[in-house]
Amino acid sequence: MQATVRTTAAEDRPDVATMRETAHHVLGPDNVPNAVPPAGEELDTLTAALRGHIELLVPEVERAARRLPENAPTRSSALACVGEASSKLRAPELGFAVLAGSVMYARRLARVLVALCDHYETVIAGVEQTPEQAAFVRLAEHCLTCSTCRAMDDQGVNVGLLCEEETRLYEEYRRARGRAAAARRVGHGHRAEVSA
């Protein structure tokens, strides 16, 4: 298995479908009853591949994110994920050497690789704010300015009054999260079928 895979497209973009497939080999056992996680040489090979994919994708995500406006939520999220991914790569070097050959470490790498892939697809498309983020911002802005949502008792504790607008905005946010999760599931399944 190759540690870093690129397409032959003119833009020479990372092969995100292959990266996701590699991550699935490590994360799959969590989702399949009675499946045995990889071990031995297979685990070492997958861990090396995951590390290579992350090393390839981190600068790509960072470059694409930095092209977005500084106040873009997707930029902030992507850069935070880059930091998390970099820390996962350094984990064995920072005194956690026992993690280096473990399934636990490989799964941590796989989860951060999947997150990097998601962020890469968002920032490379130039999306400054996802519908989910926009819905959250609307909810937060309402809660920060609404007198009902901010009502306090004499001791400064929020009294938790029912606010119909907050309930409506929360449901809008919840639906946006659900649509985003469903799109990721469908998109990942479609990419897996295309790569098969």
Protein backbone atom coordinates (compact mmCIF):
# COMPACT_ATOMS: atom_id res chain seq x y z
CA MET A 1 0.00 0.00 0.00
CA GLN A 2 1.41 3.40 -0.96
CA ALA A 3 1.88 5.98 1.75
CA THR A 4 1.08 8.93 -0.50
CA VAL A 5 -1.18 8.63 -3.51
CA ARG A 6 -1.82 11.38 -6.02
CA THR A 7 -4.01 11.43 -9.08
CA THR A 8 -2.64 12.13 -12.53
CA ALA A 9 -5.07 15.01 -13.03
CA ALA A 10 -3.70 18.29 -14.31
CA GLU A 11 -4.05 19.88 -10.88
CA ASP A 12 -2.34 16.87 -9.26
CA ARG A 13 -4.78 16.84 -6.34
CA PRO A 14 -4.50 14.31 -3.53
CA ASP A 15 -6.50 11.11 -4.05
CA VAL A 16 -8.98 11.67 -1.23
CA ALA A 17 -10.98 8.53 -2.12
CA THR A 18 -7.91 6.34 -1.58
CA MET A 19 -7.16 8.15 1.68
CA ARG A 20 -10.69 7.51 2.91
CA GLU A 21 -10.44 3.86 1.90
CA THR A 22 -7.20 3.48 3.87
CA ALA A 23 -8.84 5.07 6.91
CA HIS A 24 -11.84 2.73 6.52
CA HIS A 25 -9.54 -0.31 6.75
CA VAL A 26 -8.61 0.83 10.25
CA LEU A 27 -11.96 2.26 11.36
CA GLY A 28 -14.12 -0.44 9.75
CA PRO A 29 -13.86 -2.91 12.63
CA ASP A 30 -15.59 -0.39 14.91
CA ASN A 31 -18.62 -0.56 12.65
CA VAL A 32 -18.68 -4.28 11.91
CA PRO A 33 -19.62 -6.75 14.67
CA ASN A 34 -17.14 -9.57 15.23
CA ALA A 35 -14.52 -7.98 12.93
CA VAL A 36 -10.91 -8.30 14.02
CA PRO A 37 -8.86 -5.09 13.87
CA PRO A 38 -5.66 -5.16 11.81
CA ALA A 39 -2.52 -6.36 13.57
CA GLY A 40 1.16 -7.02 12.98
CA GLU A 41 2.58 -6.13 9.58
CA GLU A 42 -0.83 -5.15 8.22
CA LEU A 43 -1.27 -2.63 11.05
CA ASP A 44 2.27 -1.29 10.51
CA THR A 45 1.59 -0.89 6.78
CA LEU A 46 -1.76 0.85 7.37
CA THR A 47 -0.26 3.14 10.02
CA ALA A 48 2.56 4.13 7.65
CA ALA A 49 0.02 4.77 4.88
CA LEU A 50 -2.16 6.87 7.19
CA ARG A 51 0.85 8.92 8.30
CA GLY A 52 1.87 9.44 4.68
CA HIS A 53 -1.62 10.51 3.67
CA ILE A 54 -1.79 12.98 6.56
CA GLU A 55 1.68 14.35 5.76
CA LEU A 56 0.53 14.91 2.18
CA LEU A 57 -2.86 16.39 3.01
CA VAL A 58 -1.91 18.75 5.87
CA PRO A 59 -0.10 21.30 3.66
CA GLU A 60 -2.81 21.02 0.98
CA VAL A 61 -5.58 21.77 3.49
CA GLU A 62 -3.56 24.57 5.06
CA ARG A 63 -2.81 26.19 1.68
CA ALA A 64 -6.45 26.01 0.55
CA ALA A 65 -7.75 27.27 3.91
CA ARG A 66 -5.40 30.25 3.93
CA ARG A 67 -6.85 31.37 0.58
CA LEU A 68 -10.21 31.91 2.31
CA PRO A 69 -11.00 35.15 4.18
CA GLU A 70 -9.62 35.26 7.72
CA ASN A 71 -13.10 35.37 9.23
CA ALA A 72 -14.39 32.35 7.26
CA PRO A 73 -15.57 29.62 9.64
CA THR A 74 -14.38 26.88 7.29
CA ARG A 75 -10.89 28.40 7.32
CA SER A 76 -10.75 28.33 11.12
CA SER A 77 -12.10 24.78 11.30
CA ALA A 78 -9.69 23.51 8.66
CA LEU A 79 -6.68 25.12 10.31
CA ALA A 80 -7.70 23.68 13.68
CA CYS A 81 -7.87 20.24 12.06
CA VAL A 82 -4.41 20.79 10.55
CA GLY A 83 -3.08 21.48 14.05
CA GLU A 84 -4.77 18.38 15.43
CA ALA A 85 -3.42 16.23 12.59
CA SER A 86 0.10 17.54 13.13
CA SER A 87 -0.11 16.72 16.83
CA LYS A 88 -1.27 13.17 16.03
CA LEU A 89 1.77 12.72 13.79
CA ARG A 90 4.07 13.88 16.59
CA ALA A 91 2.38 11.76 19.31
CA PRO A 92 4.90 8.86 19.32
CA GLU A 93 7.77 11.34 19.29
CA LEU A 94 6.39 13.18 22.32
CA GLY A 95 6.82 10.36 24.81
CA PHE A 96 3.91 8.19 23.69
CA ALA A 97 6.10 5.66 21.86
CA VAL A 98 3.89 2.87 23.19
CA LEU A 99 1.15 4.21 20.91
CA ALA A 100 3.28 3.95 17.76
CA GLY A 101 2.33 0.37 16.84
CA SER A 102 -1.11 0.19 18.40
CA VAL A 103 -4.56 -0.08 16.87
CA MET A 104 -5.55 2.86 19.08
CA TYR A 105 -2.91 5.10 17.46
CA ALA A 106 -3.85 3.93 13.95
CA ARG A 107 -7.52 4.70 14.64
CA ARG A 108 -6.63 8.17 15.89
CA LEU A 109 -4.70 8.76 12.68
CA ALA A 110 -7.60 7.38 10.62
CA ARG A 111 -10.16 9.64 12.31
CA VAL A 112 -8.03 12.74 11.81
CA LEU A 113 -7.39 11.73 8.17
CA VAL A 114 -11.14 11.47 7.53
CA ALA A 115 -11.62 14.92 9.09
CA LEU A 116 -8.80 16.32 6.95
CA CYS A 117 -10.43 14.86 3.84
CA ASP A 118 -13.74 16.53 4.76
CA HIS A 119 -12.03 19.87 5.35
CA TYR A 120 -9.99 19.55 2.16
CA GLU A 121 -13.11 19.04 0.06
CA THR A 122 -14.76 22.05 1.69
CA VAL A 123 -11.88 24.53 1.49
CA ILE A 124 -10.67 23.46 -1.96
CA ALA A 125 -14.18 24.32 -3.20
CA GLY A 126 -13.81 27.80 -1.67
CA VAL A 127 -16.72 27.36 0.75
CA GLU A 128 -16.42 30.09 3.37
CA GLN A 129 -19.31 28.93 5.55
CA THR A 130 -21.22 25.67 5.38
CA PRO A 131 -25.02 25.66 5.80
CA GLU A 132 -24.48 23.94 9.16
CA GLN A 133 -22.12 26.71 10.32
CA ALA A 134 -24.51 29.41 9.07
CA ALA A 135 -27.40 27.84 11.01
CA PHE A 136 -25.25 27.68 14.16
CA VAL A 137 -24.25 31.34 13.80
CA ARG A 138 -27.92 32.37 13.47
CA LEU A 139 -28.77 30.39 16.61
CA ALA A 140 -25.82 31.82 18.58
CA GLU A 141 -26.50 35.40 17.51
CA HIS A 142 -30.13 35.07 18.53
CA CYS A 143 -29.27 33.61 21.94
CA LEU A 144 -26.74 36.37 22.59
CA THR A 145 -29.21 39.16 21.85
CA CYS A 146 -32.62 37.75 22.88
CA SER A 147 -33.91 39.06 26.22
CA THR A 148 -35.87 35.83 26.79
CA CYS A 149 -32.84 33.60 26.18
CA ARG A 150 -30.63 35.83 28.34
CA ALA A 151 -33.08 36.24 31.28
CA MET A 152 -31.29 35.84 34.64
CA ASP A 153 -32.48 35.45 38.20
CA ASP A 154 -31.24 37.60 41.12
CA GLN A 155 -28.12 35.45 41.45
CA GLY A 156 -27.13 35.78 37.80
CA VAL A 157 -28.20 32.28 36.75
CA ASN A 158 -30.01 31.86 33.45
CA VAL A 159 -33.65 31.02 34.21
CA GLY A 160 -34.08 28.96 31.02
CA LEU A 161 -37.25 30.59 29.73
CA LEU A 162 -38.84 28.99 26.68
CA CYS A 163 -38.11 30.96 23.52
CA GLU A 164 -39.95 29.90 20.38
CA GLU A 165 -37.39 31.58 18.12
CA GLU A 166 -34.52 29.74 19.84
CA THR A 167 -36.41 26.45 19.42
CA ARG A 168 -37.02 27.17 15.73
CA LEU A 169 -33.37 28.14 15.12
CA TYR A 170 -32.12 25.10 17.04
CA GLU A 171 -34.29 22.81 14.88
CA GLU A 172 -32.95 24.56 11.76
CA TYR A 173 -29.40 23.93 12.99
CA ARG A 174 -30.19 20.30 13.86
CA ARG A 175 -31.63 19.71 10.36
CA ALA A 176 -28.58 21.34 8.74
CA ARG A 177 -26.30 19.04 10.76
CA GLY A 178 -28.37 16.04 9.72
CA ARG A 179 -28.23 17.01 6.04
CA ALA A 180 -24.47 17.53 6.26
CA ALA A 181 -23.97 14.13 7.92
CA ALA A 182 -26.20 12.41 5.35
CA ALA A 183 -24.34 14.11 2.48
CA ARG A 184 -21.00 12.93 3.90
CA ARG A 185 -22.31 9.36 4.22
CA VAL A 186 -23.72 9.36 0.69
CA GLY A 187 -20.66 11.07 -0.73
CA HIS A 188 -18.26 8.69 0.97
CA GLY A 189 -20.29 5.68 -0.16
CA HIS A 190 -20.37 7.05 -3.71
CA ARG A 191 -16.62 7.66 -3.68
CA ALA A 192 -16.02 4.13 -2.42
CA GLU A 193 -18.14 2.71 -5.26
CA VAL A 194 -16.31 4.84 -7.84
CA SER A 195 -12.90 3.74 -6.57
CA ALA A 196 -13.92 0.05 -6.53
